Amino acid sequence: MKEVDFKTYQSLLVNKSVSKSVIPKSVLQSDTFQNLLQAEILKFSKLGRGFKVEVSKEIEFEKFLNSSFPEQDVSNTKSGNIKKYRNSKATKVDSSPIFLFRGFSAYQINEQIIDLQKQTRDFGLFSVIPNSVIADKICFVENLETFLNAEKLLGNEFLFVHKYGRIGKESISMIKAKEVLVFVDYDFNGLDEYLRIKEVFGNAELYLPNNYSELFKKHSASLKGNKAKMSKAVKTSDDSTVVKIREQVARTNRFLEQETLINV
């Protein structure tokens, strides 16, 4: 279960009843809630023109809470989520952002000069939890495989950056750069990542090859799963490049993977 379930059931424990209208649909429709109704541990009662949810068997309900949420005072970590909610993803956890870097000159990372060319040539990449990064030209690359080969397309002047996990504004706020390029898949997720980066770096540009239309016709793939979901930021953006790609993807239900540009 998740934090929203815990808060709902905790409120029922304390208040003995709550209006049905304030209970999230995800909780009302869950198997757990339905089982509590069938066991008559919870019940619906009339409340004015609507209904309320009441605890009808207090001892059984307390047993359910103790079993479902065995520990309350836990750390804000995945292990804490497991202990409290039996679900590692129940709530957002505190974590350290891990970045992968590739480059072909020296850069200032965490207030040290790092010979990234040696690190890249000897080990393929350099991994760090950064608190400061300074570079003239940075390129954020969405996918790992493309990140490992991006210089084949974009040359050796960029500090190439790939984050382990989703990029958030806070995680990249410690980076300083004069020029920022964003290289992502040409789909709704890629556009959303570009817009998040652009919130931090107003001068960020989305990499779009001159032959994009031709590549799209030849190599675009069918849009499936979470790639077919458009965020509010993408829907409302008036960035001309975003609008162009957004409308094409929505019209054709197809997208172009960034790996295609490396392997053409």
C-alpha atoms as a PDB file:
ATOM      1  CA  MET A   1       0.000   0.000   0.000  1.00  0.00           C
ATOM      2  CA  LYS A   2       0.949   3.648  -0.285  1.00  0.00           C
ATOM      3  CA  GLU A   3       1.036   6.727   1.921  1.00  0.00           C
ATOM      4  CA  VAL A   4      -2.465   7.751   0.815  1.00  0.00           C
ATOM      5  CA  ASP A   5      -3.842   4.441   2.137  1.00  0.00           C
ATOM      6  CA  PHE A   6      -2.070   4.880   5.464  1.00  0.00           C
ATOM      7  CA  LYS A   7      -3.391   8.431   5.925  1.00  0.00           C
ATOM      8  CA  THR A   8      -6.951   7.338   5.108  1.00  0.00           C
ATOM      9  CA  TYR A   9      -6.962   4.408   7.507  1.00  0.00           C
ATOM     10  CA  GLN A  10      -5.185   6.415  10.212  1.00  0.00           C
ATOM     11  CA  SER A  11      -7.901   9.074   9.947  1.00  0.00           C
ATOM     12  CA  LEU A  12     -10.563   6.391  10.308  1.00  0.00           C
ATOM     13  CA  LEU A  13      -8.803   5.004  13.384  1.00  0.00           C
ATOM     14  CA  VAL A  14      -8.667   8.408  15.069  1.00  0.00           C
ATOM     15  CA  ASN A  15     -12.084   9.775  14.024  1.00  0.00           C
ATOM     16  CA  LYS A  16     -14.021   6.480  13.812  1.00  0.00           C
ATOM     17  CA  SER A  17     -15.736   7.770  10.657  1.00  0.00           C
ATOM     18  CA  VAL A  18     -15.034  10.054   7.686  1.00  0.00           C
ATOM     19  CA  SER A  19     -17.111  11.353   4.808  1.00  0.00           C
ATOM     20  CA  LYS A  20     -16.951   9.092   1.769  1.00  0.00           C
ATOM     21  CA  SER A  21     -16.353  12.149  -0.426  1.00  0.00           C
ATOM     22  CA  VAL A  22     -12.930  12.850   1.143  1.00  0.00           C
ATOM     23  CA  ILE A  23     -11.591   9.329   0.605  1.00  0.00           C
ATOM     24  CA  PRO A  24      -9.454   9.065  -2.565  1.00  0.00           C
ATOM     25  CA  LYS A  25     -10.904   6.910  -5.338  1.00  0.00           C
ATOM     26  CA  SER A  26      -7.745   4.806  -5.399  1.00  0.00           C
ATOM     27  CA  VAL A  27      -8.450   3.770  -1.800  1.00  0.00           C
ATOM     28  CA  LEU A  28     -12.199   3.234  -2.279  1.00  0.00           C
ATOM     29  CA  GLN A  29     -11.631   1.032  -5.328  1.00  0.00           C
ATOM     30  CA  SER A  30      -8.761  -0.972  -3.832  1.00  0.00           C
ATOM     31  CA  ASP A  31      -9.126  -4.663  -3.017  1.00  0.00           C
ATOM     32  CA  THR A  32      -8.067  -3.954   0.572  1.00  0.00           C
ATOM     33  CA  PHE A  33     -10.894  -1.455   1.156  1.00  0.00           C
ATOM     34  CA  GLN A  34     -13.445  -3.733  -0.500  1.00  0.00           C
ATOM     35  CA  ASN A  35     -12.313  -6.635   1.697  1.00  0.00           C
ATOM     36  CA  LEU A  36     -12.775  -4.501   4.817  1.00  0.00           C
ATOM     37  CA  LEU A  37     -16.327  -3.714   3.692  1.00  0.00           C
ATOM     38  CA  GLN A  38     -17.107  -7.367   2.989  1.00  0.00           C
ATOM     39  CA  ALA A  39     -15.779  -8.352   6.406  1.00  0.00           C
ATOM     40  CA  GLU A  40     -17.986  -5.601   7.898  1.00  0.00           C
ATOM     41  CA  ILE A  41     -14.953  -4.068   9.600  1.00  0.00           C
ATOM     42  CA  LEU A  42     -15.889  -0.887   7.751  1.00  0.00           C
ATOM     43  CA  LYS A  43     -19.367   0.115   6.622  1.00  0.00           C
ATOM     44  CA  PHE A  44     -21.159   2.887   4.750  1.00  0.00           C
ATOM     45  CA  SER A  45     -23.721   4.961   6.645  1.00  0.00           C
ATOM     46  CA  LYS A  46     -25.978   7.811   5.522  1.00  0.00           C
ATOM     47  CA  LEU A  47     -24.606  11.310   6.114  1.00  0.00           C
ATOM     48  CA  GLY A  48     -26.944  14.097   5.009  1.00  0.00           C
ATOM     49  CA  ARG A  49     -27.278  13.733   1.240  1.00  0.00           C
ATOM     50  CA  GLY A  50     -24.204  11.543   1.033  1.00  0.00           C
ATOM     51  CA  PHE A  51     -22.456   8.773   2.908  1.00  0.00           C
ATOM     52  CA  LYS A  52     -19.739   8.292   5.471  1.00  0.00           C
ATOM     53  CA  VAL A  53     -17.407   5.391   6.154  1.00  0.00           C
ATOM     54  CA  GLU A  54     -17.482   4.070   9.705  1.00  0.00           C
ATOM     55  CA  VAL A  55     -15.307   1.670  11.655  1.00  0.00           C
ATOM     56  CA  SER A  56     -17.787  -0.966  12.825  1.00  0.00           C
ATOM     57  CA  LYS A  57     -15.302  -3.425  14.371  1.00  0.00           C
ATOM     58  CA  GLU A  58     -12.613  -1.438  16.154  1.00  0.00           C
ATOM     59  CA  ILE A  59     -10.486  -4.329  17.434  1.00  0.00           C
ATOM     60  CA  GLU A  60     -10.366  -5.998  14.004  1.00  0.00           C
ATOM     61  CA  PHE A  61      -9.600  -2.662  12.348  1.00  0.00           C
ATOM     62  CA  GLU A  62      -6.674  -2.020  14.723  1.00  0.00           C
ATOM     63  CA  LYS A  63      -5.342  -5.508  13.984  1.00  0.00           C
ATOM     64  CA  PHE A  64      -5.589  -4.744  10.261  1.00  0.00           C
ATOM     65  CA  LEU A  65      -3.617  -1.497  10.702  1.00  0.00           C
ATOM     66  CA  ASN A  66      -0.920  -3.126  12.822  1.00  0.00           C
ATOM     67  CA  SER A  67      -0.528  -5.894  10.264  1.00  0.00           C
ATOM     68  CA  SER A  68      -0.570  -3.623   7.189  1.00  0.00           C
ATOM     69  CA  PHE A  69       1.667  -0.877   8.609  1.00  0.00           C
ATOM     70  CA  PRO A  70       3.865  -2.667  11.161  1.00  0.00           C
ATOM     71  CA  GLU A  71       6.339   0.188  11.774  1.00  0.00           C
ATOM     72  CA  GLN A  72       5.578   3.896  11.930  1.00  0.00           C
ATOM     73  CA  ASP A  73       8.778   5.716  12.915  1.00  0.00           C
ATOM     74  CA  VAL A  74      10.990   4.879   9.938  1.00  0.00           C
ATOM     75  CA  SER A  75      13.529   6.669   7.768  1.00  0.00           C
ATOM     76  CA  ASN A  76      12.541   8.287   4.467  1.00  0.00           C
ATOM     77  CA  THR A  77      14.199   5.525   2.429  1.00  0.00           C
ATOM     78  CA  LYS A  78      13.155   2.524   0.367  1.00  0.00           C
ATOM     79  CA  SER A  79      13.807   0.255   3.349  1.00  0.00           C
ATOM     80  CA  GLY A  80      11.645   2.599   5.449  1.00  0.00           C
ATOM     81  CA  ASN A  81       8.846   2.302   2.898  1.00  0.00           C
ATOM     82  CA  ILE A  82       9.071  -1.476   3.043  1.00  0.00           C
ATOM     83  CA  LYS A  83       8.928  -1.477   6.846  1.00  0.00           C
ATOM     84  CA  LYS A  84       5.982   0.930   7.019  1.00  0.00           C
ATOM     85  CA  TYR A  85       4.007   0.273   3.844  1.00  0.00           C
ATOM     86  CA  ARG A  86       5.406  -3.073   2.598  1.00  0.00           C
ATOM     87  CA  ASN A  87       6.068  -1.213  -0.662  1.00  0.00           C
ATOM     88  CA  SER A  88       9.467   0.294  -1.571  1.00  0.00           C
ATOM     89  CA  LYS A  89       7.806   2.871  -3.847  1.00  0.00           C
ATOM     90  CA  ALA A  90       5.045   3.960  -1.450  1.00  0.00           C
ATOM     91  CA  THR A  91       6.475   7.454  -0.942  1.00  0.00           C
ATOM     92  CA  LYS A  92       9.214   9.532  -2.505  1.00  0.00           C
ATOM     93  CA  VAL A  93      12.501   8.865  -0.746  1.00  0.00           C
ATOM     94  CA  ASP A  94      15.629  10.878  -0.081  1.00  0.00           C
ATOM     95  CA  SER A  95      18.350   9.756  -2.453  1.00  0.00           C
ATOM     96  CA  SER A  96      21.652  10.962  -3.851  1.00  0.00           C
ATOM     97  CA  PRO A  97      21.638  11.665  -7.605  1.00  0.00           C
ATOM     98  CA  ILE A  98      24.187   9.558  -9.487  1.00  0.00           C
ATOM     99  CA  PHE A  99      25.558  11.019 -12.722  1.00  0.00           C
ATOM    100  CA  LEU A 100      27.645   9.427 -15.441  1.00  0.00           C
ATOM    101  CA  PHE A 101      30.080  11.625 -17.372  1.00  0.00           C
ATOM    102  CA  ARG A 102      32.037  11.190 -20.578  1.00  0.00           C
ATOM    103  CA  GLY A 103      34.390  13.804 -22.000  1.00  0.00           C
ATOM    104  CA  PHE A 104      37.634  14.409 -23.814  1.00  0.00           C
ATOM    105  CA  SER A 105      39.313  17.146 -21.776  1.00  0.00           C
ATOM    106  CA  ALA A 106      39.629  18.187 -18.108  1.00  0.00           C
ATOM    107  CA  TYR A 107      36.612  19.447 -16.153  1.00  0.00           C
ATOM    108  CA  GLN A 108      35.985  20.834 -12.692  1.00  0.00           C
ATOM    109  CA  ILE A 109      33.807  18.358 -10.811  1.00  0.00           C
ATOM    110  CA  ASN A 110      33.207  18.603  -7.059  1.00  0.00           C
ATOM    111  CA  GLU A 111      35.832  21.377  -6.939  1.00  0.00           C
ATOM    112  CA  GLN A 112      38.534  19.115  -8.381  1.00  0.00           C
ATOM    113  CA  ILE A 113      40.033  19.104 -11.853  1.00  0.00           C
ATOM    114  CA  ILE A 114      39.252  15.712 -13.363  1.00  0.00           C
ATOM    115  CA  ASP A 115      41.095  14.436 -16.440  1.00  0.00           C
ATOM    116  CA  LEU A 116      37.922  13.098 -17.976  1.00  0.00           C
ATOM    117  CA  GLN A 117      39.607  12.172 -21.215  1.00  0.00           C
ATOM    118  CA  LYS A 118      41.753   9.624 -19.342  1.00  0.00           C
ATOM    119  CA  GLN A 119      38.759   8.353 -17.348  1.00  0.00           C
ATOM    120  CA  THR A 120      36.700   7.996 -20.525  1.00  0.00           C
ATOM    121  CA  ARG A 121      39.426   6.291 -22.547  1.00  0.00           C
ATOM    122  CA  ASP A 122      40.534   3.971 -19.708  1.00  0.00           C
ATOM    123  CA  PHE A 123      37.163   3.107 -18.168  1.00  0.00           C
ATOM    124  CA  GLY A 124      34.476   4.270 -20.622  1.00  0.00           C
ATOM    125  CA  LEU A 125      32.902   6.768 -18.234  1.00  0.00           C
ATOM    126  CA  PHE A 126      33.240   8.566 -14.888  1.00  0.00           C
ATOM    127  CA  SER A 127      30.559   8.166 -12.213  1.00  0.00           C
ATOM    128  CA  VAL A 128      30.003  10.553  -9.313  1.00  0.00           C
ATOM    129  CA  ILE A 129      27.470  12.056  -6.909  1.00  0.00           C
ATOM    130  CA  PRO A 130      28.156  15.680  -7.847  1.00  0.00           C
ATOM    131  CA  ASN A 131      27.810  18.829  -5.770  1.00  0.00           C
ATOM    132  CA  SER A 132      29.344  21.103  -8.428  1.00  0.00           C
ATOM    133  CA  VAL A 133      30.172  20.776 -12.122  1.00  0.00           C
ATOM    134  CA  ILE A 134      31.632  23.472 -14.380  1.00  0.00           C
ATOM    135  CA  ALA A 135      31.980  23.149 -18.162  1.00  0.00           C
ATOM    136  CA  ASP A 136      31.738  25.333 -21.257  1.00  0.00           C
ATOM    137  CA  LYS A 137      29.583  22.915 -23.248  1.00  0.00           C
ATOM    138  CA  ILE A 138      27.351  20.219 -21.748  1.00  0.00           C
ATOM    139  CA  CYS A 139      25.104  17.707 -23.480  1.00  0.00           C
ATOM    140  CA  PHE A 140      22.455  15.832 -21.485  1.00  0.00           C
ATOM    141  CA  VAL A 141      21.803  12.428 -23.079  1.00  0.00           C
ATOM    142  CA  GLU A 142      18.626  10.549 -22.169  1.00  0.00           C
ATOM    143  CA  ASN A 143      19.519   6.919 -22.945  1.00  0.00           C
ATOM    144  CA  LEU A 144      22.572   5.037 -21.706  1.00  0.00           C
ATOM    145  CA  GLU A 145      23.528   3.366 -24.988  1.00  0.00           C
ATOM    146  CA  THR A 146      23.437   6.703 -26.829  1.00  0.00           C
ATOM    147  CA  PHE A 147      25.396   8.364 -24.027  1.00  0.00           C
ATOM    148  CA  LEU A 148      28.189   5.816 -24.494  1.00  0.00           C
ATOM    149  CA  ASN A 149      28.484   6.739 -28.182  1.00  0.00           C
ATOM    150  CA  ALA A 150      27.285  10.341 -28.389  1.00  0.00           C
ATOM    151  CA  GLU A 151      30.666  11.738 -29.491  1.00  0.00           C
ATOM    152  CA  LYS A 152      30.321   9.794 -32.762  1.00  0.00           C
ATOM    153  CA  LEU A 153      27.487  12.147 -33.672  1.00  0.00           C
ATOM    154  CA  LEU A 154      28.203  15.328 -31.730  1.00  0.00           C
ATOM    155  CA  GLY A 155      32.000  15.405 -31.540  1.00  0.00           C
ATOM    156  CA  ASN A 156      34.418  15.690 -28.620  1.00  0.00           C
ATOM    157  CA  GLU A 157      33.721  19.243 -27.420  1.00  0.00           C
ATOM    158  CA  PHE A 158      30.865  18.400 -25.046  1.00  0.00           C
ATOM    159  CA  LEU A 159      30.849  17.080 -21.520  1.00  0.00           C
ATOM    160  CA  PHE A 160      28.273  14.315 -21.981  1.00  0.00           C
ATOM    161  CA  VAL A 161      25.974  13.760 -19.011  1.00  0.00           C
ATOM    162  CA  HIS A 162      23.605  10.878 -18.241  1.00  0.00           C
ATOM    163  CA  LYS A 163      21.705  10.639 -14.966  1.00  0.00           C
ATOM    164  CA  TYR A 164      20.870   7.330 -13.326  1.00  0.00           C
ATOM    165  CA  GLY A 165      17.104   7.705 -13.064  1.00  0.00           C
ATOM    166  CA  ARG A 166      14.818  10.577 -13.925  1.00  0.00           C
ATOM    167  CA  ILE A 167      16.313  14.065 -14.191  1.00  0.00           C
ATOM    168  CA  GLY A 168      14.842  16.565 -11.736  1.00  0.00           C
ATOM    169  CA  LYS A 169      15.457  20.293 -11.573  1.00  0.00           C
ATOM    170  CA  GLU A 170      17.145  20.080  -8.184  1.00  0.00           C
ATOM    171  CA  SER A 171      19.529  17.340  -9.297  1.00  0.00           C
ATOM    172  CA  ILE A 172      21.050  19.473 -12.080  1.00  0.00           C
ATOM    173  CA  SER A 173      20.967  22.867 -10.362  1.00  0.00           C
ATOM    174  CA  MET A 174      24.621  22.508  -9.284  1.00  0.00           C
ATOM    175  CA  ILE A 175      25.814  22.356 -12.920  1.00  0.00           C
ATOM    176  CA  LYS A 176      27.241  25.505 -14.531  1.00  0.00           C
ATOM    177  CA  ALA A 177      27.618  25.666 -18.307  1.00  0.00           C
ATOM    178  CA  LYS A 178      27.773  28.307 -21.042  1.00  0.00           C
ATOM    179  CA  GLU A 179      26.129  26.080 -23.669  1.00  0.00           C
ATOM    180  CA  VAL A 180      23.603  23.312 -22.999  1.00  0.00           C
ATOM    181  CA  LEU A 181      22.403  20.748 -25.529  1.00  0.00           C
ATOM    182  CA  VAL A 182      19.697  18.157 -24.802  1.00  0.00           C
ATOM    183  CA  PHE A 183      19.708  14.890 -26.756  1.00  0.00           C
ATOM    184  CA  VAL A 184      16.644  12.737 -26.083  1.00  0.00           C
ATOM    185  CA  ASP A 185      14.188  10.402 -27.773  1.00  0.00           C
ATOM    186  CA  TYR A 186      11.769  12.305 -29.985  1.00  0.00           C
ATOM    187  CA  ASP A 187       8.673  11.340 -28.028  1.00  0.00           C
ATOM    188  CA  PHE A 188       6.572  12.816 -25.218  1.00  0.00           C
ATOM    189  CA  ASN A 189       8.945  11.576 -22.481  1.00  0.00           C
ATOM    190  CA  GLY A 190      11.954  13.052 -24.245  1.00  0.00           C
ATOM    191  CA  LEU A 191      10.194  16.385 -24.714  1.00  0.00           C
ATOM    192  CA  ASP A 192       9.236  16.415 -21.036  1.00  0.00           C
ATOM    193  CA  GLU A 193      12.872  15.836 -20.015  1.00  0.00           C
ATOM    194  CA  TYR A 194      14.005  18.624 -22.326  1.00  0.00           C
ATOM    195  CA  LEU A 195      11.503  21.069 -20.782  1.00  0.00           C
ATOM    196  CA  ARG A 196      12.605  20.150 -17.243  1.00  0.00           C
ATOM    197  CA  ILE A 197      16.227  20.829 -18.167  1.00  0.00           C
ATOM    198  CA  LYS A 198      15.240  24.087 -19.868  1.00  0.00           C
ATOM    199  CA  GLU A 199      13.615  25.291 -16.640  1.00  0.00           C
ATOM    200  CA  VAL A 200      17.104  25.261 -15.111  1.00  0.00           C
ATOM    201  CA  PHE A 201      19.069  26.273 -18.209  1.00  0.00           C
ATOM    202  CA  GLY A 202      17.116  28.878 -20.126  1.00  0.00           C
ATOM    203  CA  ASN A 203      19.601  28.672 -23.003  1.00  0.00           C
ATOM    204  CA  ALA A 204      19.233  24.892 -23.428  1.00  0.00           C
ATOM    205  CA  GLU A 205      18.546  23.693 -26.957  1.00  0.00           C
ATOM    206  CA  LEU A 206      17.022  20.432 -28.120  1.00  0.00           C
ATOM    207  CA  TYR A 207      19.226  18.602 -30.605  1.00  0.00           C
ATOM    208  CA  LEU A 208      17.331  18.165 -33.866  1.00  0.00           C
ATOM    209  CA  PRO A 209      19.234  16.902 -36.927  1.00  0.00           C
ATOM    210  CA  ASN A 210      18.733  18.651 -40.273  1.00  0.00           C
ATOM    211  CA  ASN A 211      17.386  15.424 -41.787  1.00  0.00           C
ATOM    212  CA  TYR A 212      14.987  14.726 -38.912  1.00  0.00           C
ATOM    213  CA  SER A 213      11.915  14.465 -41.174  1.00  0.00           C
ATOM    214  CA  GLU A 214      13.637  11.972 -43.449  1.00  0.00           C
ATOM    215  CA  LEU A 215      14.853   9.902 -40.486  1.00  0.00           C
ATOM    216  CA  PHE A 216      11.361   9.923 -38.992  1.00  0.00           C
ATOM    217  CA  LYS A 217       9.839   8.589 -42.224  1.00  0.00           C
ATOM    218  CA  LYS A 218      12.392   5.796 -42.503  1.00  0.00           C
ATOM    219  CA  HIS A 219      13.019   4.748 -38.899  1.00  0.00           C
ATOM    220  CA  SER A 220      10.175   5.866 -36.593  1.00  0.00           C
ATOM    221  CA  ALA A 221       8.655   3.207 -34.324  1.00  0.00           C
ATOM    222  CA  SER A 222       5.155   2.701 -32.958  1.00  0.00           C
ATOM    223  CA  LEU A 223       4.357   4.612 -29.778  1.00  0.00           C
ATOM    224  CA  LYS A 224       3.451   2.301 -26.873  1.00  0.00           C
ATOM    225  CA  GLY A 225       3.075   2.246 -23.092  1.00  0.00           C
ATOM    226  CA  ASN A 226       4.219   5.243 -21.065  1.00  0.00           C
ATOM    227  CA  LYS A 227       5.728   6.841 -24.161  1.00  0.00           C
ATOM    228  CA  ALA A 228       2.173   7.575 -25.329  1.00  0.00           C
ATOM    229  CA  LYS A 229       1.386   9.767 -22.309  1.00  0.00           C
ATOM    230  CA  MET A 230       1.824  13.513 -22.720  1.00  0.00           C
ATOM    231  CA  SER A 231       2.666  15.566 -19.620  1.00  0.00           C
ATOM    232  CA  LYS A 232       0.987  18.907 -18.947  1.00  0.00           C
ATOM    233  CA  ALA A 233       4.291  20.673 -19.615  1.00  0.00           C
ATOM    234  CA  VAL A 234       4.505  19.116 -23.086  1.00  0.00           C
ATOM    235  CA  LYS A 235       0.828  19.793 -23.850  1.00  0.00           C
ATOM    236  CA  THR A 236       1.056  23.483 -23.004  1.00  0.00           C
ATOM    237  CA  SER A 237       4.562  24.266 -24.277  1.00  0.00           C
ATOM    238  CA  ASP A 238       4.856  26.906 -26.999  1.00  0.00           C
ATOM    239  CA  ASP A 239       8.500  26.055 -27.744  1.00  0.00           C
ATOM    240  CA  SER A 240       8.544  25.783 -31.560  1.00  0.00           C
ATOM    241  CA  THR A 241      10.633  22.579 -31.607  1.00  0.00           C
ATOM    242  CA  VAL A 242       8.464  20.950 -28.953  1.00  0.00           C
ATOM    243  CA  VAL A 243       5.301  21.913 -30.844  1.00  0.00           C
ATOM    244  CA  LYS A 244       6.674  20.448 -34.091  1.00  0.00           C
ATOM    245  CA  ILE A 245       7.615  17.090 -32.548  1.00  0.00           C
ATOM    246  CA  ARG A 246       4.569  16.934 -30.243  1.00  0.00           C
ATOM    247  CA  GLU A 247       2.119  17.378 -33.116  1.00  0.00           C
ATOM    248  CA  GLN A 248       3.921  14.891 -35.362  1.00  0.00           C
ATOM    249  CA  VAL A 249       4.063  12.212 -32.659  1.00  0.00           C
ATOM    250  CA  ALA A 250       0.404  12.765 -31.714  1.00  0.00           C
ATOM    251  CA  ARG A 251      -0.713  12.688 -35.372  1.00  0.00           C
ATOM    252  CA  THR A 252       1.227   9.562 -36.380  1.00  0.00           C
ATOM    253  CA  ASN A 253       1.405   7.712 -33.047  1.00  0.00           C
ATOM    254  CA  ARG A 254       5.083   7.079 -33.877  1.00  0.00           C
ATOM    255  CA  PHE A 255       8.393   8.377 -32.504  1.00  0.00           C
ATOM    256  CA  LEU A 256      12.072   8.434 -33.400  1.00  0.00           C
ATOM    257  CA  GLU A 257      14.583   6.859 -31.019  1.00  0.00           C
ATOM    258  CA  GLN A 258      17.790   8.796 -30.435  1.00  0.00           C
ATOM    259  CA  GLU A 259      19.878   5.626 -31.013  1.00  0.00           C
ATOM    260  CA  THR A 260      18.785   5.791 -34.645  1.00  0.00           C
ATOM    261  CA  LEU A 261      20.883   8.928 -35.154  1.00  0.00           C
ATOM    262  CA  ILE A 262      24.014   7.191 -33.861  1.00  0.00           C
ATOM    263  CA  ASN A 263      23.587   4.084 -35.992  1.00  0.00           C
ATOM    264  CA  VAL A 264      22.454   5.595 -39.315  1.00  0.00           C
END
